[in-house]
């Protein structure tokens, strides 16, 4: 098990398992900028980083979307994390991030061989975003698959959750 601290928080990766994974961050605000233009911006809600592996399927999407939308990580009236993004009326941005699939088992240069190729990853990413929109009942902001994006956020808490689709 490897823990990496990035600008987005701690990533907990098991390099022996390469399945669809999300890093979910509760944010006060977040945005994605592509080529100097803001592609998506939200206030209170979730920034979801999505990594797609070559063996992933719609079953993985279904599990992660349901889990993400229902995750009780927003405070209720008593200050207890007991509300989902839906309950809290929050927004969501989903950003594709193939680097979540990195293997660092050998050497110091990460290997991305477990990441799905464009022909697999793009349709799964788009379907994940579509289903997430349905689950939260509003449009979901997105990045641009394969683009060099600048992701900005204010992590609220901080609260950062890592979920792997095969660890159920």
N, C-alpha and C. Protein backbone atom coordinates (compact mmCIF):
# COMPACT_ATOMS: atom_id res chain seq x y z
N UNK A 1 0.86 -1.17 0.00
CA UNK A 1 0.00 0.00 0.00
C UNK A 1 0.90 1.23 0.00
N UNK A 2 0.59 2.19 -0.84
CA UNK A 2 1.38 3.41 -0.95
C UNK A 2 0.46 4.59 -0.67
N UNK A 3 0.91 5.52 0.14
CA UNK A 3 0.18 6.76 0.36
C UNK A 3 1.00 7.89 -0.23
N UNK A 4 0.37 8.69 -1.07
CA UNK A 4 1.04 9.80 -1.72
C UNK A 4 0.28 11.07 -1.37
N UNK A 5 0.98 12.12 -0.95
CA UNK A 5 0.31 13.39 -0.72
C UNK A 5 0.48 14.25 -1.96
N UNK A 6 -0.62 14.72 -2.50
CA UNK A 6 -0.60 15.60 -3.66
C UNK A 6 -1.37 16.86 -3.31
N UNK A 7 -1.47 17.75 -4.26
CA UNK A 7 -2.26 18.96 -4.07
C UNK A 7 -3.72 18.62 -3.81
N UNK A 8 -4.14 17.42 -4.18
CA UNK A 8 -5.52 17.00 -4.00
C UNK A 8 -5.72 16.19 -2.74
N UNK A 9 -4.67 15.95 -1.96
CA UNK A 9 -4.81 15.19 -0.73
C UNK A 9 -4.04 13.90 -0.80
N UNK A 10 -4.36 12.98 0.10
CA UNK A 10 -3.68 11.69 0.15
C UNK A 10 -4.32 10.71 -0.82
N UNK A 11 -3.50 10.04 -1.59
CA UNK A 11 -3.97 8.98 -2.47
C UNK A 11 -3.48 7.66 -1.90
N UNK A 12 -4.38 6.74 -1.70
CA UNK A 12 -4.02 5.44 -1.16
C UNK A 12 -4.16 4.42 -2.27
N UNK A 13 -3.04 3.93 -2.75
CA UNK A 13 -3.07 3.07 -3.91
C UNK A 13 -2.46 1.71 -3.60
N UNK A 14 -3.14 0.66 -4.00
CA UNK A 14 -2.61 -0.68 -3.91
C UNK A 14 -2.19 -1.04 -5.33
N UNK A 15 -0.90 -1.14 -5.56
CA UNK A 15 -0.39 -1.33 -6.92
C UNK A 15 -0.62 -2.73 -7.48
N UNK A 16 -1.20 -3.62 -6.70
CA UNK A 16 -1.48 -4.96 -7.22
C UNK A 16 -2.87 -5.03 -7.85
N UNK A 17 -3.70 -4.03 -7.64
CA UNK A 17 -5.07 -4.03 -8.13
C UNK A 17 -5.28 -2.82 -9.02
N UNK A 18 -5.72 -3.06 -10.26
CA UNK A 18 -5.95 -1.96 -11.17
C UNK A 18 -7.39 -2.00 -11.64
N UNK A 19 -8.23 -1.29 -10.94
CA UNK A 19 -9.64 -1.22 -11.27
C UNK A 19 -10.06 0.24 -11.21
N UNK A 20 -11.25 0.50 -11.67
CA UNK A 20 -11.75 1.87 -11.64
C UNK A 20 -11.67 2.40 -10.22
N UNK A 21 -11.16 3.60 -10.10
CA UNK A 21 -11.07 4.20 -8.77
C UNK A 21 -11.40 5.68 -8.83
N UNK A 22 -11.89 6.15 -7.70
CA UNK A 22 -12.19 7.57 -7.56
C UNK A 22 -11.50 8.11 -6.32
N UNK A 23 -11.11 9.36 -6.42
CA UNK A 23 -10.70 10.13 -5.27
C UNK A 23 -11.74 11.24 -5.16
N UNK A 24 -12.46 11.23 -4.04
CA UNK A 24 -13.57 12.15 -3.82
C UNK A 24 -13.13 13.18 -2.80
N UNK A 25 -13.31 14.45 -3.15
CA UNK A 25 -12.95 15.50 -2.23
C UNK A 25 -14.13 16.42 -1.99
N UNK A 26 -14.43 16.63 -0.71
CA UNK A 26 -15.47 17.59 -0.36
C UNK A 26 -14.83 18.97 -0.48
N UNK A 27 -15.46 19.84 -1.25
CA UNK A 27 -14.86 21.15 -1.53
C UNK A 27 -15.81 22.29 -1.19
N UNK A 28 -15.21 23.43 -0.86
CA UNK A 28 -15.97 24.68 -0.72
C UNK A 28 -16.21 25.27 -2.09
N UNK A 29 -15.21 25.05 -2.98
CA UNK A 29 -15.34 25.43 -4.38
C UNK A 29 -14.25 24.72 -5.17
N UNK A 30 -14.50 24.55 -6.45
CA UNK A 30 -13.53 23.89 -7.33
C UNK A 30 -13.79 24.35 -8.76
N UNK A 31 -12.73 24.28 -9.57
CA UNK A 31 -12.87 24.62 -10.99
C UNK A 31 -11.84 23.86 -11.80
N UNK A 32 -12.13 23.74 -13.08
CA UNK A 32 -11.23 23.11 -14.04
C UNK A 32 -11.01 24.11 -15.17
N UNK A 33 -9.75 24.40 -15.45
CA UNK A 33 -9.40 25.34 -16.51
C UNK A 33 -8.64 24.59 -17.60
N UNK A 34 -9.05 24.82 -18.86
CA UNK A 34 -8.44 24.16 -20.01
C UNK A 34 -8.08 25.25 -21.01
N UNK A 35 -6.81 25.30 -21.39
CA UNK A 35 -6.33 26.32 -22.33
C UNK A 35 -6.73 27.73 -21.90
N UNK A 36 -6.61 28.02 -20.61
CA UNK A 36 -6.89 29.35 -20.09
C UNK A 36 -8.36 29.67 -19.90
N UNK A 37 -9.26 28.76 -20.27
CA UNK A 37 -10.70 28.97 -20.14
C UNK A 37 -11.26 28.07 -19.05
N UNK A 38 -12.09 28.62 -18.17
CA UNK A 38 -12.72 27.82 -17.13
C UNK A 38 -13.77 26.93 -17.79
N UNK A 39 -13.56 25.61 -17.70
CA UNK A 39 -14.48 24.66 -18.30
C UNK A 39 -15.64 24.31 -17.38
N UNK A 40 -15.37 24.31 -16.08
CA UNK A 40 -16.40 24.00 -15.09
C UNK A 40 -16.00 24.63 -13.77
N UNK A 41 -16.98 25.08 -13.02
CA UNK A 41 -16.74 25.65 -11.70
C UNK A 41 -17.95 25.36 -10.83
N UNK A 42 -17.68 25.03 -9.57
CA UNK A 42 -18.76 24.76 -8.62
C UNK A 42 -18.46 25.45 -7.30
N UNK A 43 -19.51 25.59 -6.50
CA UNK A 43 -19.37 26.01 -5.12
C UNK A 43 -19.24 24.76 -4.26
N UNK A 44 -19.97 24.71 -3.18
CA UNK A 44 -19.94 23.58 -2.27
C UNK A 44 -20.35 22.29 -2.96
N UNK A 45 -19.54 21.25 -2.79
CA UNK A 45 -19.87 19.97 -3.41
C UNK A 45 -18.70 19.02 -3.41
N UNK A 46 -18.59 18.26 -4.49
CA UNK A 46 -17.56 17.23 -4.62
C UNK A 46 -16.73 17.43 -5.88
N UNK A 47 -15.43 17.28 -5.73
CA UNK A 47 -14.53 17.13 -6.87
C UNK A 47 -14.18 15.66 -6.91
N UNK A 48 -14.49 15.01 -8.03
CA UNK A 48 -14.25 13.57 -8.19
C UNK A 48 -13.20 13.37 -9.26
N UNK A 49 -12.08 12.77 -8.87
CA UNK A 49 -11.04 12.38 -9.82
C UNK A 49 -11.29 10.92 -10.16
N UNK A 50 -11.36 10.59 -11.46
CA UNK A 50 -11.73 9.25 -11.91
C UNK A 50 -10.59 8.63 -12.71
N UNK A 51 -10.16 7.45 -12.28
CA UNK A 51 -9.18 6.66 -13.02
C UNK A 51 -9.84 5.42 -13.57
N UNK A 52 -9.66 5.15 -14.86
CA UNK A 52 -10.30 4.01 -15.53
C UNK A 52 -9.23 3.01 -15.95
N UNK A 53 -9.43 1.75 -15.55
CA UNK A 53 -8.52 0.66 -15.93
C UNK A 53 -9.04 -0.07 -17.15
N UNK A 54 -8.17 -0.83 -17.80
CA UNK A 54 -8.56 -1.50 -19.05
C UNK A 54 -9.57 -2.62 -18.85
N UNK A 55 -9.76 -3.12 -17.64
CA UNK A 55 -10.73 -4.18 -17.38
C UNK A 55 -12.04 -3.66 -16.79
N UNK A 56 -12.22 -2.36 -16.74
CA UNK A 56 -13.40 -1.79 -16.11
C UNK A 56 -14.63 -1.89 -17.00
N UNK A 57 -15.80 -1.83 -16.36
CA UNK A 57 -17.06 -2.00 -17.08
C UNK A 57 -18.12 -1.08 -16.49
N UNK A 58 -19.32 -1.18 -17.04
CA UNK A 58 -20.43 -0.39 -16.54
C UNK A 58 -20.82 -0.81 -15.12
N UNK A 59 -20.53 -2.02 -14.75
CA UNK A 59 -20.77 -2.47 -13.37
C UNK A 59 -19.93 -1.64 -12.39
N UNK A 60 -18.69 -1.35 -12.77
CA UNK A 60 -17.83 -0.53 -11.93
C UNK A 60 -18.39 0.89 -11.82
N UNK A 61 -18.87 1.42 -12.94
CA UNK A 61 -19.48 2.75 -12.94
C UNK A 61 -20.67 2.78 -12.00
N UNK A 62 -21.54 1.79 -12.13
CA UNK A 62 -22.75 1.73 -11.33
C UNK A 62 -22.41 1.77 -9.84
N UNK A 63 -21.47 0.94 -9.43
CA UNK A 63 -21.07 0.89 -8.02
C UNK A 63 -20.52 2.23 -7.54
N UNK A 64 -19.58 2.80 -8.30
CA UNK A 64 -18.92 4.03 -7.85
C UNK A 64 -19.84 5.24 -7.88
N UNK A 65 -20.72 5.32 -8.87
CA UNK A 65 -21.66 6.44 -8.91
C UNK A 65 -22.60 6.38 -7.71
N UNK A 66 -23.17 5.21 -7.46
CA UNK A 66 -24.10 5.07 -6.33
C UNK A 66 -23.39 5.39 -5.01
N UNK A 67 -22.20 4.86 -4.85
CA UNK A 67 -21.44 5.07 -3.61
C UNK A 67 -21.08 6.54 -3.44
N UNK A 68 -20.61 7.18 -4.50
CA UNK A 68 -20.20 8.58 -4.43
C UNK A 68 -21.39 9.48 -4.12
N UNK A 69 -22.49 9.30 -4.81
CA UNK A 69 -23.66 10.15 -4.62
C UNK A 69 -24.27 9.98 -3.23
N UNK A 70 -24.15 8.81 -2.65
CA UNK A 70 -24.77 8.53 -1.35
C UNK A 70 -23.81 8.70 -0.17
N UNK A 71 -22.54 8.93 -0.44
CA UNK A 71 -21.54 9.03 0.63
C UNK A 71 -21.89 10.17 1.58
N UNK A 72 -22.03 9.86 2.85
CA UNK A 72 -22.45 10.85 3.84
C UNK A 72 -21.23 11.56 4.42
N UNK A 73 -20.79 12.61 3.72
CA UNK A 73 -19.60 13.34 4.15
C UNK A 73 -19.85 14.84 4.31
N UNK A 74 -21.12 15.24 4.32
CA UNK A 74 -21.49 16.63 4.56
C UNK A 74 -22.17 16.72 5.93
N UNK A 75 -21.90 17.80 6.63
CA UNK A 75 -22.44 17.97 7.98
C UNK A 75 -23.94 18.19 7.98
N UNK A 76 -24.58 17.60 9.00
CA UNK A 76 -25.99 17.88 9.25
C UNK A 76 -26.10 19.06 10.22
N UNK A 77 -27.29 19.32 10.73
CA UNK A 77 -27.51 20.44 11.62
C UNK A 77 -26.70 20.33 12.92
N UNK A 78 -26.36 19.10 13.32
CA UNK A 78 -25.61 18.87 14.56
C UNK A 78 -24.10 18.88 14.32
N UNK A 79 -23.68 19.13 13.07
CA UNK A 79 -22.26 19.15 12.76
C UNK A 79 -21.65 17.78 12.56
N UNK A 80 -22.50 16.78 12.35
CA UNK A 80 -22.05 15.40 12.13
C UNK A 80 -22.11 15.09 10.63
N UNK A 81 -21.06 14.45 10.10
CA UNK A 81 -21.07 14.07 8.68
C UNK A 81 -22.14 13.00 8.49
N UNK A 82 -23.32 13.44 8.07
CA UNK A 82 -24.46 12.55 7.97
C UNK A 82 -25.31 12.82 6.74
N UNK A 83 -24.81 13.71 5.84
CA UNK A 83 -25.58 14.07 4.65
C UNK A 83 -24.76 13.79 3.40
N UNK A 84 -25.43 13.37 2.34
CA UNK A 84 -24.78 13.14 1.05
C UNK A 84 -24.72 14.45 0.27
N UNK A 85 -24.04 14.43 -0.86
CA UNK A 85 -24.00 15.61 -1.73
C UNK A 85 -25.41 15.94 -2.21
N UNK A 86 -26.24 14.93 -2.41
CA UNK A 86 -27.63 15.15 -2.82
C UNK A 86 -28.39 15.84 -1.69
N UNK A 87 -28.27 15.30 -0.47
CA UNK A 87 -28.95 15.88 0.69
C UNK A 87 -28.52 17.32 0.93
N UNK A 88 -27.23 17.60 0.70
CA UNK A 88 -26.67 18.92 0.96
C UNK A 88 -26.92 19.90 -0.19
N UNK A 89 -27.46 19.41 -1.31
CA UNK A 89 -27.69 20.26 -2.47
C UNK A 89 -26.40 20.72 -3.13
N UNK A 90 -25.36 19.90 -3.00
CA UNK A 90 -24.05 20.27 -3.55
C UNK A 90 -23.92 19.95 -5.03
N UNK A 91 -22.88 20.51 -5.62
CA UNK A 91 -22.57 20.27 -7.03
C UNK A 91 -21.42 19.28 -7.14
N UNK A 92 -21.16 18.82 -8.36
CA UNK A 92 -20.11 17.83 -8.60
C UNK A 92 -19.35 18.20 -9.86
N UNK A 93 -18.02 18.05 -9.79
CA UNK A 93 -17.16 18.09 -10.97
C UNK A 93 -16.46 16.74 -11.04
N UNK A 94 -16.44 16.14 -12.23
CA UNK A 94 -15.72 14.88 -12.46
C UNK A 94 -14.59 15.15 -13.44
N UNK A 95 -13.38 14.76 -13.04
CA UNK A 95 -12.19 14.97 -13.86
C UNK A 95 -11.52 13.62 -14.10
N UNK A 96 -11.27 13.29 -15.36
CA UNK A 96 -10.55 12.05 -15.67
C UNK A 96 -9.09 12.23 -15.27
N UNK A 97 -8.53 11.18 -14.66
CA UNK A 97 -7.14 11.26 -14.23
C UNK A 97 -6.50 9.88 -14.32
N UNK A 98 -5.88 9.61 -15.47
CA UNK A 98 -5.28 8.30 -15.69
C UNK A 98 -4.15 8.02 -14.72
N UNK A 99 -3.54 9.05 -14.14
CA UNK A 99 -2.42 8.84 -13.22
C UNK A 99 -2.85 8.14 -11.94
N UNK A 100 -4.16 8.06 -11.66
CA UNK A 100 -4.62 7.29 -10.51
C UNK A 100 -4.34 5.80 -10.70
N UNK A 101 -4.08 5.40 -11.93
CA UNK A 101 -3.82 4.00 -12.23
C UNK A 101 -2.32 3.67 -12.21
N UNK A 102 -1.51 4.59 -11.74
CA UNK A 102 -0.05 4.42 -11.76
C UNK A 102 0.40 3.24 -10.91
N UNK A 103 1.41 2.55 -11.42
CA UNK A 103 2.11 1.52 -10.65
C UNK A 103 3.51 2.05 -10.38
N UNK A 104 3.92 1.97 -9.13
CA UNK A 104 5.26 2.43 -8.75
C UNK A 104 6.07 1.28 -8.16
N UNK A 105 5.71 0.06 -8.50
CA UNK A 105 6.37 -1.12 -7.94
C UNK A 105 7.83 -1.22 -8.35
N UNK A 106 8.14 -0.83 -9.57
CA UNK A 106 9.52 -0.96 -10.06
C UNK A 106 10.06 0.41 -10.43
N UNK A 107 11.24 0.72 -9.93
CA UNK A 107 11.90 1.97 -10.30
C UNK A 107 11.19 3.20 -9.77
N UNK A 108 11.57 4.33 -10.32
CA UNK A 108 11.03 5.60 -9.86
C UNK A 108 10.13 6.29 -10.88
N UNK A 109 9.99 5.70 -12.05
CA UNK A 109 9.10 6.27 -13.06
C UNK A 109 7.79 5.47 -13.02
N UNK A 110 6.67 6.13 -12.72
CA UNK A 110 5.40 5.41 -12.67
C UNK A 110 5.06 4.79 -14.02
N UNK A 111 4.46 3.62 -13.95
CA UNK A 111 3.96 2.93 -15.15
C UNK A 111 2.44 3.11 -15.19
N UNK A 112 1.93 3.41 -16.37
CA UNK A 112 0.49 3.61 -16.54
C UNK A 112 -0.13 2.52 -17.40
N UNK A 113 0.50 1.38 -17.46
CA UNK A 113 0.05 0.29 -18.32
C UNK A 113 -1.35 -0.21 -17.94
N UNK A 114 -1.74 -0.05 -16.68
CA UNK A 114 -3.06 -0.51 -16.24
C UNK A 114 -4.18 0.46 -16.61
N UNK A 115 -3.82 1.67 -17.01
CA UNK A 115 -4.83 2.65 -17.40
C UNK A 115 -5.45 2.25 -18.73
N UNK A 116 -6.75 2.42 -18.83
CA UNK A 116 -7.44 2.10 -20.08
C UNK A 116 -7.01 3.06 -21.18
N UNK A 117 -6.96 2.54 -22.40
CA UNK A 117 -6.70 3.39 -23.57
C UNK A 117 -7.91 4.26 -23.86
N UNK A 118 -7.72 5.25 -24.72
CA UNK A 118 -8.79 6.19 -25.05
C UNK A 118 -10.07 5.49 -25.52
N UNK A 119 -9.92 4.45 -26.34
CA UNK A 119 -11.10 3.78 -26.91
C UNK A 119 -11.98 3.15 -25.85
N UNK A 120 -11.41 2.79 -24.71
CA UNK A 120 -12.17 2.23 -23.59
C UNK A 120 -12.52 3.31 -22.57
N UNK A 121 -11.55 4.13 -22.24
CA UNK A 121 -11.71 5.09 -21.14
C UNK A 121 -12.70 6.21 -21.45
N UNK A 122 -12.69 6.74 -22.65
CA UNK A 122 -13.58 7.87 -22.96
C UNK A 122 -15.06 7.50 -22.81
N UNK A 123 -15.52 6.39 -23.41
CA UNK A 123 -16.94 6.05 -23.22
C UNK A 123 -17.30 5.77 -21.76
N UNK A 124 -16.38 5.15 -21.00
CA UNK A 124 -16.66 4.87 -19.59
C UNK A 124 -16.69 6.16 -18.78
N UNK A 125 -15.78 7.07 -19.07
CA UNK A 125 -15.77 8.38 -18.39
C UNK A 125 -17.06 9.14 -18.68
N UNK A 126 -17.45 9.18 -19.93
CA UNK A 126 -18.68 9.90 -20.30
C UNK A 126 -19.91 9.27 -19.66
N UNK A 127 -19.93 7.94 -19.60
CA UNK A 127 -21.06 7.25 -18.96
C UNK A 127 -21.07 7.51 -17.46
N UNK A 128 -19.90 7.52 -16.84
CA UNK A 128 -19.81 7.84 -15.42
C UNK A 128 -20.40 9.24 -15.17
N UNK A 129 -20.03 10.20 -15.97
CA UNK A 129 -20.54 11.57 -15.81
C UNK A 129 -22.04 11.64 -16.02
N UNK A 130 -22.55 10.92 -17.01
CA UNK A 130 -23.99 10.91 -17.28
C UNK A 130 -24.76 10.32 -16.10
N UNK A 131 -24.26 9.19 -15.59
CA UNK A 131 -24.94 8.54 -14.46
C UNK A 131 -24.82 9.37 -13.18
N UNK A 132 -23.70 10.05 -13.01
CA UNK A 132 -23.55 10.90 -11.83
C UNK A 132 -24.55 12.05 -11.89
N UNK A 133 -24.74 12.63 -13.08
CA UNK A 133 -25.75 13.68 -13.25
C UNK A 133 -27.13 13.18 -12.86
N UNK A 134 -27.47 11.97 -13.29
CA UNK A 134 -28.76 11.38 -12.93
C UNK A 134 -28.86 11.17 -11.43
N UNK A 135 -27.78 10.69 -10.82
CA UNK A 135 -27.80 10.37 -9.39
C UNK A 135 -27.95 11.61 -8.51
N UNK A 136 -27.34 12.72 -8.93
CA UNK A 136 -27.43 13.93 -8.10
C UNK A 136 -28.55 14.86 -8.54
N UNK A 137 -29.17 14.57 -9.68
CA UNK A 137 -30.31 15.34 -10.13
C UNK A 137 -29.97 16.71 -10.71
N UNK A 138 -28.75 16.86 -11.20
CA UNK A 138 -28.34 18.12 -11.85
C UNK A 138 -27.14 17.85 -12.73
N UNK A 139 -26.81 18.81 -13.55
CA UNK A 139 -25.65 18.67 -14.42
C UNK A 139 -24.38 18.57 -13.59
N UNK A 140 -23.47 17.78 -14.11
CA UNK A 140 -22.16 17.59 -13.47
C UNK A 140 -21.12 18.31 -14.33
N UNK A 141 -20.27 19.09 -13.68
CA UNK A 141 -19.18 19.73 -14.40
C UNK A 141 -18.13 18.69 -14.76
N UNK A 142 -17.44 18.92 -15.86
CA UNK A 142 -16.42 17.96 -16.29
C UNK A 142 -15.17 18.70 -16.76
N UNK A 143 -14.10 17.93 -16.81
CA UNK A 143 -12.91 18.40 -17.48
C UNK A 143 -12.99 17.98 -18.93
N UNK A 144 -11.86 17.92 -19.60
CA UNK A 144 -11.82 17.47 -20.99
C UNK A 144 -10.87 16.28 -21.04
N UNK A 145 -11.38 15.14 -21.43
CA UNK A 145 -10.58 13.92 -21.43
C UNK A 145 -9.30 14.11 -22.23
N UNK A 146 -8.17 13.79 -21.61
CA UNK A 146 -6.88 13.84 -22.29
C UNK A 146 -6.25 15.23 -22.36
N UNK A 147 -6.96 16.25 -21.92
CA UNK A 147 -6.41 17.62 -21.99
C UNK A 147 -5.49 17.89 -20.80
N UNK A 148 -4.63 18.88 -20.98
CA UNK A 148 -3.83 19.39 -19.87
C UNK A 148 -4.71 20.36 -19.11
N UNK A 149 -5.15 19.94 -17.93
CA UNK A 149 -6.11 20.73 -17.16
C UNK A 149 -5.45 21.31 -15.92
N UNK A 150 -5.93 22.45 -15.50
CA UNK A 150 -5.55 23.06 -14.24
C UNK A 150 -6.76 22.94 -13.32
N UNK A 151 -6.62 22.15 -12.28
CA UNK A 151 -7.72 21.91 -11.34
C UNK A 151 -7.43 22.71 -10.08
N UNK A 152 -8.38 23.52 -9.72
CA UNK A 152 -8.24 24.36 -8.52
C UNK A 152 -9.35 23.98 -7.55
N UNK A 153 -9.01 23.94 -6.27
CA UNK A 153 -10.02 23.60 -5.28
C UNK A 153 -9.67 24.13 -3.92
N UNK A 154 -10.69 24.28 -3.12
CA UNK A 154 -10.52 24.49 -1.69
C UNK A 154 -11.15 23.28 -1.03
N UNK A 155 -10.30 22.42 -0.48
CA UNK A 155 -10.75 21.19 0.16
C UNK A 155 -11.39 21.57 1.48
N UNK A 156 -12.62 21.14 1.68
CA UNK A 156 -13.40 21.49 2.87
C UNK A 156 -13.23 20.41 3.92
N UNK A 157 -12.53 20.71 4.97
CA UNK A 157 -12.34 19.76 6.07
C UNK A 157 -10.90 19.67 6.53
N UNK A 158 -10.03 19.09 5.79
CA UNK A 158 -10.22 18.43 4.49
C UNK A 158 -10.89 17.06 4.62
N UNK A 159 -11.68 16.74 3.62
CA UNK A 159 -12.30 15.42 3.51
C UNK A 159 -11.93 14.86 2.15
N UNK A 160 -11.17 13.76 2.14
CA UNK A 160 -10.75 13.09 0.91
C UNK A 160 -10.95 11.59 1.09
N UNK A 161 -11.70 10.97 0.17
CA UNK A 161 -12.03 9.56 0.25
C UNK A 161 -11.58 8.87 -1.04
N UNK A 162 -10.89 7.73 -0.90
CA UNK A 162 -10.47 6.92 -2.06
C UNK A 162 -11.34 5.67 -2.10
N UNK A 163 -11.91 5.38 -3.27
CA UNK A 163 -12.72 4.17 -3.42
C UNK A 163 -12.29 3.44 -4.69
N UNK A 164 -12.07 2.15 -4.55
CA UNK A 164 -11.72 1.27 -5.65
C UNK A 164 -12.94 0.40 -5.96
N UNK A 165 -13.33 0.29 -7.20
CA UNK A 165 -14.56 -0.40 -7.57
C UNK A 165 -14.56 -1.90 -7.23
N UNK A 166 -13.41 -2.51 -7.11
CA UNK A 166 -13.37 -3.94 -6.82
C UNK A 166 -13.28 -4.25 -5.31
N UNK A 167 -13.07 -3.22 -4.49
CA UNK A 167 -13.02 -3.42 -3.05
C UNK A 167 -14.38 -3.13 -2.45
N UNK A 168 -15.27 -4.12 -2.53
CA UNK A 168 -16.65 -3.94 -2.05
C UNK A 168 -16.87 -4.71 -0.78
